N, C-alpha and C. Protein backbone atom coordinates (compact mmCIF):
# COMPACT_ATOMS: atom_id res chain seq x y z
N MET A 1 -25.78 -3.66 17.92
CA MET A 1 -25.30 -4.45 16.28
C MET A 1 -24.36 -5.91 16.97
N GLU A 2 -25.22 -7.02 16.18
CA GLU A 2 -24.40 -8.21 16.31
C GLU A 2 -23.32 -7.99 15.70
N THR A 3 -22.02 -7.91 15.96
CA THR A 3 -20.76 -8.18 14.97
C THR A 3 -19.68 -9.37 15.36
N ASN A 4 -19.78 -10.78 15.71
CA ASN A 4 -19.80 -12.32 15.71
C ASN A 4 -18.63 -12.05 14.53
N ASN A 5 -19.81 -12.64 13.51
CA ASN A 5 -19.26 -12.84 12.52
C ASN A 5 -18.96 -12.67 11.26
N ILE A 6 -18.61 -10.66 10.99
CA ILE A 6 -18.58 -9.95 10.88
C ILE A 6 -16.97 -9.61 10.80
N SER A 7 -16.43 -8.95 9.62
CA SER A 7 -15.16 -8.49 9.50
C SER A 7 -15.10 -7.01 9.77
N LYS A 8 -13.95 -6.55 10.12
CA LYS A 8 -13.58 -5.19 10.42
C LYS A 8 -14.46 -4.26 9.52
N GLU A 9 -13.94 -4.71 8.34
CA GLU A 9 -14.21 -3.89 6.49
C GLU A 9 -15.98 -3.69 6.90
N GLY A 10 -16.40 -4.65 7.16
CA GLY A 10 -17.46 -5.35 6.97
C GLY A 10 -18.57 -4.51 8.30
N ILE A 11 -17.75 -4.35 9.29
CA ILE A 11 -18.77 -3.44 10.46
C ILE A 11 -18.77 -1.80 10.09
N ARG A 12 -17.77 -1.63 9.13
CA ARG A 12 -17.81 -0.36 9.08
C ARG A 12 -17.79 -0.08 8.07
N LYS A 13 -18.61 -0.80 7.04
CA LYS A 13 -19.70 0.02 6.03
C LYS A 13 -20.70 -0.11 6.58
N GLU A 14 -20.87 -1.62 7.68
CA GLU A 14 -22.10 -1.10 8.35
C GLU A 14 -22.79 -0.06 8.92
N LEU A 15 -22.25 0.09 9.70
CA LEU A 15 -22.15 1.56 10.74
C LEU A 15 -21.69 2.88 10.04
N LEU A 16 -21.05 2.79 8.65
CA LEU A 16 -21.16 4.19 7.57
C LEU A 16 -22.50 4.04 7.00
N ASP A 17 -22.77 2.98 6.60
CA ASP A 17 -24.13 2.71 5.91
C ASP A 17 -25.44 3.30 7.11
N LYS A 18 -25.48 2.88 8.08
CA LYS A 18 -26.50 3.30 9.06
C LYS A 18 -26.32 4.98 9.86
N ARG A 19 -25.12 5.80 9.73
CA ARG A 19 -24.60 6.79 9.73
C ARG A 19 -25.42 7.71 8.42
N LYS A 20 -25.20 7.57 7.70
CA LYS A 20 -25.45 7.87 5.96
C LYS A 20 -27.06 7.81 6.63
N HIS A 21 -27.73 6.93 6.68
CA HIS A 21 -29.27 7.05 6.88
C HIS A 21 -29.86 7.11 7.82
N PHE A 22 -28.94 8.24 8.66
CA PHE A 22 -29.72 8.69 10.07
C PHE A 22 -30.21 9.64 9.66
N PRO A 23 -31.77 10.47 9.70
CA PRO A 23 -32.20 11.91 9.76
C PRO A 23 -30.86 13.08 10.53
N LYS A 24 -30.82 13.62 9.32
CA LYS A 24 -30.55 15.31 10.12
C LYS A 24 -30.76 15.43 11.49
N GLU A 25 -32.12 15.16 11.64
CA GLU A 25 -32.53 16.16 12.50
C GLU A 25 -32.40 15.24 13.65
N MET A 26 -32.34 14.00 13.13
CA MET A 26 -32.13 12.88 14.51
C MET A 26 -30.38 13.21 15.53
N SER A 27 -29.45 13.23 13.72
CA SER A 27 -28.55 13.46 13.80
C SER A 27 -28.05 15.13 14.85
N ASP A 28 -28.41 15.97 14.35
CA ASP A 28 -28.14 17.13 15.14
C ASP A 28 -28.41 17.29 16.84
N ILE A 29 -30.23 16.70 17.06
CA ILE A 29 -31.04 16.36 18.74
C ILE A 29 -28.71 15.59 19.26
N SER A 30 -29.60 14.21 18.84
CA SER A 30 -27.77 13.84 19.58
C SER A 30 -26.84 14.16 19.92
N SER A 31 -26.55 15.36 18.73
CA SER A 31 -25.16 16.02 19.23
C SER A 31 -25.63 17.18 19.87
N GLU A 32 -26.01 17.70 20.02
CA GLU A 32 -26.54 18.71 21.32
C GLU A 32 -26.57 18.14 22.39
N LYS A 33 -26.99 16.90 22.42
CA LYS A 33 -26.54 16.21 24.04
C LYS A 33 -25.66 15.77 24.17
N ILE A 34 -25.04 15.21 23.64
CA ILE A 34 -23.40 14.99 23.54
C ILE A 34 -22.49 16.53 23.84
N CYS A 35 -22.73 17.81 23.30
CA CYS A 35 -22.89 18.38 23.98
C CYS A 35 -22.09 19.44 24.92
N ASP A 36 -23.48 19.04 25.44
CA ASP A 36 -24.79 19.16 26.89
C ASP A 36 -23.58 18.17 27.29
N TYR A 37 -23.79 16.83 28.07
CA TYR A 37 -22.57 16.06 28.26
C TYR A 37 -20.94 16.67 28.60
N LEU A 38 -20.60 16.86 27.43
CA LEU A 38 -19.44 16.93 27.11
C LEU A 38 -18.88 18.95 27.69
N ILE A 39 -19.30 19.52 27.37
CA ILE A 39 -19.82 20.86 28.66
C ILE A 39 -19.75 20.53 29.70
N ASP A 40 -20.43 19.77 30.34
CA ASP A 40 -20.95 19.84 31.65
C ASP A 40 -19.48 19.14 32.17
N TYR A 41 -18.94 18.47 31.59
CA TYR A 41 -17.89 17.08 32.29
C TYR A 41 -16.71 18.34 31.94
N LEU A 42 -16.39 18.88 31.20
CA LEU A 42 -15.30 19.85 30.33
C LEU A 42 -15.11 21.02 31.51
N ARG A 43 -16.57 21.85 32.03
CA ARG A 43 -16.36 22.65 32.89
C ARG A 43 -15.89 22.60 34.00
N ASP A 44 -15.73 20.83 34.40
CA ASP A 44 -15.34 20.30 35.91
C ASP A 44 -13.73 20.41 35.28
N GLN A 45 -13.65 19.79 34.30
CA GLN A 45 -12.14 18.61 34.18
C GLN A 45 -10.98 20.55 34.04
N LYS A 46 -11.47 21.43 33.18
CA LYS A 46 -10.58 22.32 33.03
C LYS A 46 -9.16 21.91 32.49
N PRO A 47 -9.52 21.38 31.12
CA PRO A 47 -8.01 21.22 30.49
C PRO A 47 -7.18 22.42 30.56
N ASP A 48 -6.00 22.68 30.26
CA ASP A 48 -4.92 23.00 29.67
C ASP A 48 -5.09 23.29 28.20
N LEU A 49 -5.79 22.22 27.39
CA LEU A 49 -5.99 22.26 26.20
C LEU A 49 -6.82 21.16 25.63
N LEU A 50 -7.75 21.19 25.27
CA LEU A 50 -8.63 20.84 24.18
C LEU A 50 -8.38 20.56 22.80
N LEU A 51 -8.47 19.30 22.39
CA LEU A 51 -8.25 18.99 21.14
C LEU A 51 -9.93 18.86 20.52
N LEU A 52 -10.66 19.82 19.33
CA LEU A 52 -11.62 19.03 18.87
C LEU A 52 -11.50 18.76 17.34
N TYR A 53 -13.02 18.85 17.07
CA TYR A 53 -12.78 18.47 15.28
C TYR A 53 -14.06 18.90 15.02
N MET A 54 -13.87 19.07 13.50
CA MET A 54 -15.24 19.62 12.59
C MET A 54 -16.02 17.96 12.48
N ALA A 55 -17.07 17.99 12.53
CA ALA A 55 -17.93 17.12 12.00
C ALA A 55 -17.92 17.09 10.26
N TYR A 56 -17.71 15.61 10.19
CA TYR A 56 -17.99 15.70 8.38
C TYR A 56 -19.90 14.36 8.58
N GLY A 57 -20.00 14.84 7.47
CA GLY A 57 -21.17 14.32 7.05
C GLY A 57 -22.00 14.57 8.59
N LYS A 58 -22.81 12.96 9.03
CA LYS A 58 -23.52 13.00 10.52
C LYS A 58 -22.92 12.80 11.49
N GLU A 59 -21.47 13.17 11.61
CA GLU A 59 -20.37 12.88 12.64
C GLU A 59 -21.25 13.77 13.69
N VAL A 60 -20.82 13.17 14.89
CA VAL A 60 -21.11 14.15 16.19
C VAL A 60 -20.77 15.63 15.64
N SER A 61 -21.54 16.70 15.63
CA SER A 61 -20.87 18.47 15.40
C SER A 61 -20.79 18.38 16.73
N LEU A 62 -19.34 18.90 16.70
CA LEU A 62 -19.19 19.94 18.00
C LEU A 62 -19.44 21.19 17.96
N THR A 63 -19.66 21.17 17.07
CA THR A 63 -20.48 23.27 17.25
C THR A 63 -20.20 24.26 18.81
N LYS A 64 -21.56 23.31 19.15
CA LYS A 64 -21.46 24.09 20.55
C LYS A 64 -20.65 23.57 21.50
N VAL A 65 -19.96 22.94 21.12
CA VAL A 65 -18.75 22.62 22.50
C VAL A 65 -17.48 23.62 21.97
N ILE A 66 -17.13 23.73 20.45
CA ILE A 66 -16.43 24.91 19.73
C ILE A 66 -16.76 26.17 20.92
N ASN A 67 -18.38 27.11 20.59
CA ASN A 67 -18.74 28.18 20.68
C ASN A 67 -18.50 28.28 21.92
N TRP A 68 -18.73 27.58 22.86
CA TRP A 68 -18.61 27.58 24.25
C TRP A 68 -17.21 27.96 24.65
N CYS A 69 -16.13 26.84 24.01
CA CYS A 69 -15.18 26.58 24.81
C CYS A 69 -14.30 28.66 24.12
N LEU A 70 -14.61 28.99 23.18
CA LEU A 70 -14.44 29.98 22.56
C LEU A 70 -14.47 31.46 22.97
N GLN A 71 -16.40 31.05 24.02
CA GLN A 71 -16.61 31.97 24.45
C GLN A 71 -15.84 32.23 25.94
N ASN A 72 -15.68 31.15 26.56
CA ASN A 72 -14.57 30.98 28.23
C ASN A 72 -13.50 31.29 27.68
N ASN A 73 -13.05 31.20 26.90
CA ASN A 73 -11.17 32.01 26.42
C ASN A 73 -10.96 30.14 26.48
N MET A 74 -10.77 29.63 26.17
CA MET A 74 -10.59 28.19 26.25
C MET A 74 -9.25 28.06 25.57
N LYS A 75 -7.94 27.71 25.51
CA LYS A 75 -7.59 26.97 24.38
C LYS A 75 -8.04 25.58 23.99
N ILE A 76 -7.81 25.86 22.57
CA ILE A 76 -8.54 24.98 21.57
C ILE A 76 -7.65 24.82 20.57
N ALA A 77 -7.67 23.70 20.14
CA ALA A 77 -7.13 23.00 18.62
C ALA A 77 -7.95 22.06 17.63
N LEU A 78 -7.56 22.38 16.40
CA LEU A 78 -8.61 20.78 15.85
C LEU A 78 -7.23 20.98 14.81
N PRO A 79 -8.02 19.35 14.01
CA PRO A 79 -6.80 18.98 13.17
C PRO A 79 -7.01 19.67 11.94
N ARG A 80 -5.73 19.50 10.77
CA ARG A 80 -5.65 19.64 9.75
C ARG A 80 -4.56 18.17 9.34
N VAL A 81 -5.31 17.92 8.08
CA VAL A 81 -4.38 16.43 7.56
C VAL A 81 -3.41 17.17 6.28
N SER A 82 -2.67 16.70 6.33
CA SER A 82 -1.38 16.63 5.34
C SER A 82 -0.93 15.38 5.02
N GLY A 83 -1.42 14.52 3.49
CA GLY A 83 -0.60 13.52 3.25
C GLY A 83 -1.46 12.06 4.10
N ASP A 84 -0.08 11.97 4.95
CA ASP A 84 -0.56 10.84 5.81
C ASP A 84 -0.60 11.54 7.32
N ASP A 85 -0.19 12.66 7.09
CA ASP A 85 0.10 13.05 8.82
C ASP A 85 -1.57 13.68 9.38
N MET A 86 -1.43 13.79 10.19
CA MET A 86 -2.82 15.00 11.19
C MET A 86 -1.88 15.80 12.31
N ASP A 87 -2.13 17.69 11.90
CA ASP A 87 -1.70 17.58 13.21
C ASP A 87 -2.38 18.93 13.98
N PHE A 88 -2.27 19.05 14.59
CA PHE A 88 -3.70 20.30 15.50
C PHE A 88 -2.94 21.41 15.46
N TYR A 89 -3.80 22.34 15.11
CA TYR A 89 -3.61 24.19 14.93
C TYR A 89 -4.48 24.63 15.80
N CYS A 90 -4.55 25.26 16.90
CA CYS A 90 -5.09 26.68 17.69
C CYS A 90 -5.88 27.45 16.91
N ILE A 91 -7.69 27.79 16.98
CA ILE A 91 -7.94 28.71 16.71
C ILE A 91 -8.44 29.50 18.09
N GLU A 92 -8.90 30.71 16.97
CA GLU A 92 -9.64 32.24 18.26
C GLU A 92 -11.10 31.83 17.79
N SER A 93 -10.76 32.03 16.63
CA SER A 93 -12.23 31.58 15.88
C SER A 93 -13.34 30.84 15.87
N ILE A 94 -14.29 30.88 14.58
CA ILE A 94 -14.57 30.03 14.08
C ILE A 94 -13.87 29.86 12.35
N ASN A 95 -13.72 31.77 12.32
CA ASN A 95 -13.31 32.34 10.82
C ASN A 95 -11.77 31.93 10.74
N ASP A 96 -11.34 31.02 11.57
CA ASP A 96 -9.53 30.86 12.16
C ASP A 96 -9.79 29.28 10.75
N LEU A 97 -11.02 29.36 10.28
CA LEU A 97 -11.30 27.60 9.53
C LEU A 97 -11.48 28.36 7.76
N LYS A 98 -10.90 27.27 7.46
CA LYS A 98 -11.45 27.27 5.87
C LYS A 98 -11.12 25.64 5.39
N PRO A 99 -12.19 24.82 4.13
CA PRO A 99 -12.02 23.66 4.18
C PRO A 99 -11.20 22.92 3.54
N GLY A 100 -10.66 21.94 4.29
CA GLY A 100 -9.79 21.21 3.63
C GLY A 100 -9.32 19.43 3.23
N ALA A 101 -9.21 18.97 3.85
CA ALA A 101 -8.93 17.16 3.38
C ALA A 101 -10.07 17.63 3.29
N PHE A 102 -10.93 16.45 2.05
CA PHE A 102 -12.20 15.73 2.37
C PHE A 102 -13.46 16.91 2.79
N GLY A 103 -12.94 18.26 2.09
CA GLY A 103 -13.86 18.61 1.98
C GLY A 103 -14.22 19.44 3.98
N ILE A 104 -13.27 18.76 4.62
CA ILE A 104 -13.68 19.04 5.93
C ILE A 104 -13.20 20.93 6.63
N LEU A 105 -14.07 21.28 7.48
CA LEU A 105 -13.47 22.82 7.75
C LEU A 105 -11.87 22.73 9.06
N GLU A 106 -11.28 23.31 8.55
CA GLU A 106 -9.34 23.10 9.05
C GLU A 106 -9.07 24.38 9.33
N PRO A 107 -8.39 24.39 10.79
CA PRO A 107 -7.44 25.77 10.78
C PRO A 107 -6.56 26.06 10.08
N ILE A 108 -6.31 27.53 9.40
CA ILE A 108 -5.60 28.00 8.53
C ILE A 108 -4.00 28.17 9.65
N GLY A 109 -3.99 27.99 10.65
CA GLY A 109 -2.88 28.09 11.97
C GLY A 109 -1.69 27.94 10.52
N VAL A 110 -0.65 29.01 11.04
CA VAL A 110 0.94 28.48 10.37
C VAL A 110 1.64 27.32 10.92
N ASP A 111 1.03 27.54 12.58
CA ASP A 111 2.54 26.46 13.12
C ASP A 111 1.36 24.99 14.57
N ALA A 112 1.53 24.50 13.85
CA ALA A 112 1.21 22.98 14.83
C ALA A 112 1.49 23.57 15.67
N ILE A 113 0.62 23.00 16.80
CA ILE A 113 0.89 22.52 17.96
C ILE A 113 1.86 21.96 18.52
N ASP A 114 2.85 21.75 19.78
CA ASP A 114 3.63 20.94 19.80
C ASP A 114 3.26 20.20 20.97
N LEU A 115 2.62 19.30 21.61
CA LEU A 115 2.71 18.33 22.90
C LEU A 115 3.59 18.41 23.07
N TYR A 116 4.50 18.28 22.71
CA TYR A 116 5.60 17.86 23.79
C TYR A 116 5.35 18.80 24.56
N GLU A 117 5.33 20.49 24.29
CA GLU A 117 5.48 21.64 25.47
C GLU A 117 4.02 21.37 26.43
N TYR A 118 2.91 20.66 26.69
CA TYR A 118 2.47 20.00 27.51
C TYR A 118 2.27 19.17 28.21
N GLU A 119 3.35 18.26 28.03
CA GLU A 119 3.63 17.51 29.47
C GLU A 119 3.90 17.82 30.57
N GLY A 120 2.66 17.15 31.49
CA GLY A 120 2.57 17.70 32.34
C GLY A 120 1.20 18.26 32.63
N ASN A 121 0.55 18.55 31.43
CA ASN A 121 -0.30 19.30 31.70
C ASN A 121 -1.88 18.76 31.20
N GLN A 122 -3.13 18.97 31.26
CA GLN A 122 -4.14 18.40 31.02
C GLN A 122 -4.21 18.44 29.34
N VAL A 123 -4.32 17.41 28.98
CA VAL A 123 -4.69 17.62 26.96
C VAL A 123 -5.20 16.56 27.34
N VAL A 124 -6.75 16.57 26.95
CA VAL A 124 -8.47 15.96 26.82
C VAL A 124 -8.76 16.23 25.10
N CYS A 125 -8.83 15.32 24.68
CA CYS A 125 -8.81 15.10 22.82
C CYS A 125 -10.20 14.57 22.57
N ILE A 126 -11.26 15.31 21.88
CA ILE A 126 -12.21 14.65 21.69
C ILE A 126 -12.67 13.77 20.54
N VAL A 127 -12.62 12.90 20.08
CA VAL A 127 -12.43 11.97 19.10
C VAL A 127 -13.86 11.51 18.67
N PRO A 128 -13.32 12.01 17.17
CA PRO A 128 -14.24 10.89 16.25
C PRO A 128 -14.76 9.45 15.96
N GLY A 129 -15.81 8.65 15.56
CA GLY A 129 -14.60 7.21 14.76
C GLY A 129 -16.37 6.87 14.31
N VAL A 130 -16.04 5.68 13.29
CA VAL A 130 -17.47 5.47 13.03
C VAL A 130 -18.15 4.32 13.93
N GLY A 131 -17.20 4.14 15.16
CA GLY A 131 -17.86 3.13 16.10
C GLY A 131 -17.13 2.94 17.08
N PHE A 132 -17.92 2.34 17.94
CA PHE A 132 -17.01 2.31 19.96
C PHE A 132 -17.62 1.09 19.81
N ASP A 133 -17.32 0.45 20.92
CA ASP A 133 -17.54 -0.56 22.05
C ASP A 133 -17.64 -0.34 23.39
N ARG A 134 -17.69 -1.31 24.14
CA ARG A 134 -17.88 -0.87 25.63
C ARG A 134 -16.51 -1.39 26.00
N GLY A 135 -15.52 -1.79 26.16
CA GLY A 135 -14.30 -2.23 26.28
C GLY A 135 -13.50 -1.37 25.68
N MET A 136 -14.40 0.17 25.16
CA MET A 136 -12.89 1.07 24.84
C MET A 136 -12.58 1.42 23.24
N HIS A 137 -13.13 0.34 22.77
CA HIS A 137 -12.52 0.67 21.79
C HIS A 137 -12.94 1.29 20.50
N ARG A 138 -12.09 1.64 19.36
CA ARG A 138 -12.87 2.43 18.05
C ARG A 138 -12.29 2.30 17.57
N MET A 139 -13.11 2.17 16.72
CA MET A 139 -13.07 2.12 14.76
C MET A 139 -13.18 3.98 14.03
N GLY A 140 -11.89 4.04 13.30
CA GLY A 140 -12.85 4.66 12.97
C GLY A 140 -12.35 4.46 11.23
N HIS A 141 -12.38 5.94 10.40
CA HIS A 141 -12.39 5.43 8.80
C HIS A 141 -11.38 4.43 8.78
N GLY A 142 -10.16 4.21 8.99
CA GLY A 142 -9.28 3.25 7.88
C GLY A 142 -8.11 4.03 8.52
N ARG A 143 -8.09 4.94 7.88
CA ARG A 143 -6.56 5.50 7.77
C ARG A 143 -6.06 6.12 8.99
N GLY A 144 -5.91 5.87 9.45
CA GLY A 144 -4.77 5.63 10.62
C GLY A 144 -4.92 7.03 11.14
N TYR A 145 -4.97 8.28 10.94
CA TYR A 145 -5.17 9.58 11.43
C TYR A 145 -4.50 9.76 12.85
N TYR A 146 -5.60 9.60 13.72
CA TYR A 146 -5.37 9.60 15.72
C TYR A 146 -4.82 8.19 15.89
N ASP A 147 -4.63 7.62 15.85
CA ASP A 147 -3.62 5.98 15.86
C ASP A 147 -2.65 6.49 16.35
N ARG A 148 -1.91 6.84 14.96
CA ARG A 148 -0.54 7.41 14.85
C ARG A 148 0.01 8.85 15.53
N TYR A 149 -1.39 9.36 15.75
CA TYR A 149 -0.79 10.34 16.34
C TYR A 149 -0.63 10.60 17.64
N PHE A 150 -1.64 9.87 18.04
CA PHE A 150 -1.65 9.29 19.25
C PHE A 150 -0.75 8.63 20.45
N GLU A 151 0.16 7.67 19.50
CA GLU A 151 0.63 7.02 20.00
C GLU A 151 2.08 7.55 20.51
N HIS A 152 2.09 8.76 19.94
CA HIS A 152 4.02 9.59 20.60
C HIS A 152 3.21 10.25 21.72
N PHE A 153 1.67 10.21 21.87
CA PHE A 153 1.57 11.15 23.65
C PHE A 153 0.37 10.27 24.15
N PRO A 154 0.74 9.42 24.96
CA PRO A 154 -0.02 8.41 25.62
C PRO A 154 -0.82 9.26 27.56
N GLU A 155 -0.59 10.13 27.47
CA GLU A 155 -1.07 10.92 28.81
C GLU A 155 -1.86 11.55 27.89
N VAL A 156 -2.13 12.31 26.85
CA VAL A 156 -3.64 12.76 26.45
C VAL A 156 -4.89 11.94 26.89
N LYS A 157 -5.93 12.35 27.61
CA LYS A 157 -7.60 11.55 27.56
C LYS A 157 -8.06 12.00 26.27
N LEU A 158 -8.34 10.61 25.67
CA LEU A 158 -9.03 10.42 24.18
C LEU A 158 -10.16 10.05 24.84
N TYR A 159 -11.64 11.40 24.81
CA TYR A 159 -12.50 11.21 24.45
C TYR A 159 -13.72 10.82 23.71
N GLY A 160 -13.90 9.84 22.57
CA GLY A 160 -14.53 9.36 21.96
C GLY A 160 -16.23 9.68 22.47
N VAL A 161 -16.75 9.88 20.75
CA VAL A 161 -17.89 10.59 21.02
C VAL A 161 -18.45 10.02 19.40
N CYS A 162 -20.09 9.41 19.34
CA CYS A 162 -20.89 9.12 18.79
C CYS A 162 -22.44 8.84 18.90
N HIS A 163 -22.71 9.16 17.63
CA HIS A 163 -24.21 8.39 18.43
C HIS A 163 -24.39 7.11 19.02
N ASP A 164 -25.84 7.10 19.75
CA ASP A 164 -25.59 5.18 20.52
C ASP A 164 -26.48 4.57 19.22
N PHE A 165 -25.81 4.37 18.14
CA PHE A 165 -25.93 3.24 17.41
C PHE A 165 -25.36 3.30 16.80
N GLN A 166 -24.10 3.42 17.32
CA GLN A 166 -22.64 3.53 16.71
C GLN A 166 -21.98 2.85 17.97
N LEU A 167 -22.09 2.40 18.66
CA LEU A 167 -21.68 2.11 20.56
C LEU A 167 -22.36 0.38 19.80
N ILE A 168 -21.05 -0.25 19.78
CA ILE A 168 -22.21 -2.21 19.18
C ILE A 168 -21.04 -2.92 20.48
N ASP A 169 -21.74 -3.58 20.02
CA ASP A 169 -20.70 -5.31 21.28
C ASP A 169 -19.17 -5.01 21.23
N SER A 170 -18.89 -5.45 20.24
CA SER A 170 -17.23 -6.03 19.89
C SER A 170 -16.89 -5.01 18.73
N ILE A 171 -15.41 -4.17 18.39
CA ILE A 171 -14.88 -3.97 17.52
C ILE A 171 -13.80 -5.19 17.29
N PRO A 172 -13.34 -5.71 16.50
CA PRO A 172 -12.01 -6.35 15.83
C PRO A 172 -10.75 -5.09 16.32
N THR A 173 -9.89 -5.04 17.05
CA THR A 173 -9.33 -4.32 17.15
C THR A 173 -7.35 -4.97 16.69
N ASP A 174 -6.61 -3.83 16.41
CA ASP A 174 -5.34 -4.30 15.90
C ASP A 174 -4.69 -3.98 17.04
N GLU A 175 -2.68 -3.93 16.91
CA GLU A 175 -2.27 -3.56 17.89
C GLU A 175 -1.83 -1.90 17.62
N HIS A 176 -2.14 -1.79 16.80
CA HIS A 176 -1.95 -0.26 17.42
C HIS A 176 -3.33 0.54 17.12
N ASP A 177 -4.61 -0.08 17.65
CA ASP A 177 -5.22 0.83 17.93
C ASP A 177 -5.61 1.45 19.32
N ILE A 178 -5.65 2.07 19.22
CA ILE A 178 -5.62 3.07 21.07
C ILE A 178 -6.84 2.99 21.28
N PRO A 179 -6.76 2.54 22.65
CA PRO A 179 -8.63 2.94 23.52
C PRO A 179 -8.80 4.09 23.98
N MET A 180 -10.05 4.61 24.24
CA MET A 180 -10.15 5.52 24.71
C MET A 180 -10.13 5.60 26.00
N ASN A 181 -10.31 6.79 26.77
CA ASN A 181 -10.64 6.98 28.14
C ASN A 181 -12.23 7.34 28.33
N MET A 182 -12.84 6.95 27.59
CA MET A 182 -14.04 8.08 27.22
C MET A 182 -14.94 7.60 26.54
N ILE A 183 -15.95 7.42 26.27
CA ILE A 183 -16.52 7.36 25.74
C ILE A 183 -18.26 8.20 25.81
N PHE A 184 -18.97 9.49 25.16
CA PHE A 184 -19.68 9.90 25.19
C PHE A 184 -21.23 9.76 23.84
N THR A 185 -22.41 9.18 24.06
CA THR A 185 -23.27 9.20 23.15
C THR A 185 -24.46 9.65 23.99
N ASP A 186 -25.26 10.32 23.40
CA ASP A 186 -26.77 10.72 22.90
C ASP A 186 -26.83 10.28 24.39
N LYS A 187 -27.05 9.05 25.26
CA LYS A 187 -27.99 8.51 26.27
C LYS A 187 -26.80 7.88 26.86
N GLU A 188 -25.27 7.69 27.53
CA GLU A 188 -25.14 7.63 28.18
C GLU A 188 -23.28 8.41 28.34
N MET A 189 -22.64 7.87 29.30
CA MET A 189 -21.01 8.19 29.60
C MET A 189 -20.67 7.20 29.63
N ILE A 190 -19.70 5.78 29.24
CA ILE A 190 -18.73 5.33 29.64
C ILE A 190 -17.53 5.35 29.98
N GLY A 191 -17.22 4.83 30.55
CA GLY A 191 -15.33 5.54 31.62
C GLY A 191 -15.43 6.09 32.60
N ASN A 192 -14.58 6.26 32.99
CA ASN A 192 -13.97 7.36 33.56
C ASN A 192 -13.17 8.77 34.01
């Protein structure tokens, strides 16, 4: 996607439109491949805490990764949104989720994790996005939940995931935008 003369909002709108019209079967196949790449990578990394998300619409679905983590007794947490804030809550089962903000499944836990307690440990967050570029920049839905949350935790490794068509030439960035450490698509892995 050529992005030279398009505003950030224009790029977001175009990518959201492409994702909306992306066939469900193709989205499922792409998500499956990305999950396989992630599982292979995480098997080697063995993070102390893995922050995941439940997909909205045709975002990359991490259900396979979540199930794999639960079967392998890995400590995982998912986000819950309240107003302008987002916090992560641990889950031990898919049954620990219920529909929340924007109709997305969210954890029902009462105590948000305190990432300060994980200083010195390996924490990885798998981050959804509307689009990414090869400079490791991410474009979300524009609400800033992930950027606001992770500005306090620069040691957390951020791995963006997207369908191949969501990886574009360039994303306009703002000062508060936090870059990814890696990006996984159904066709490639970028970063280290």
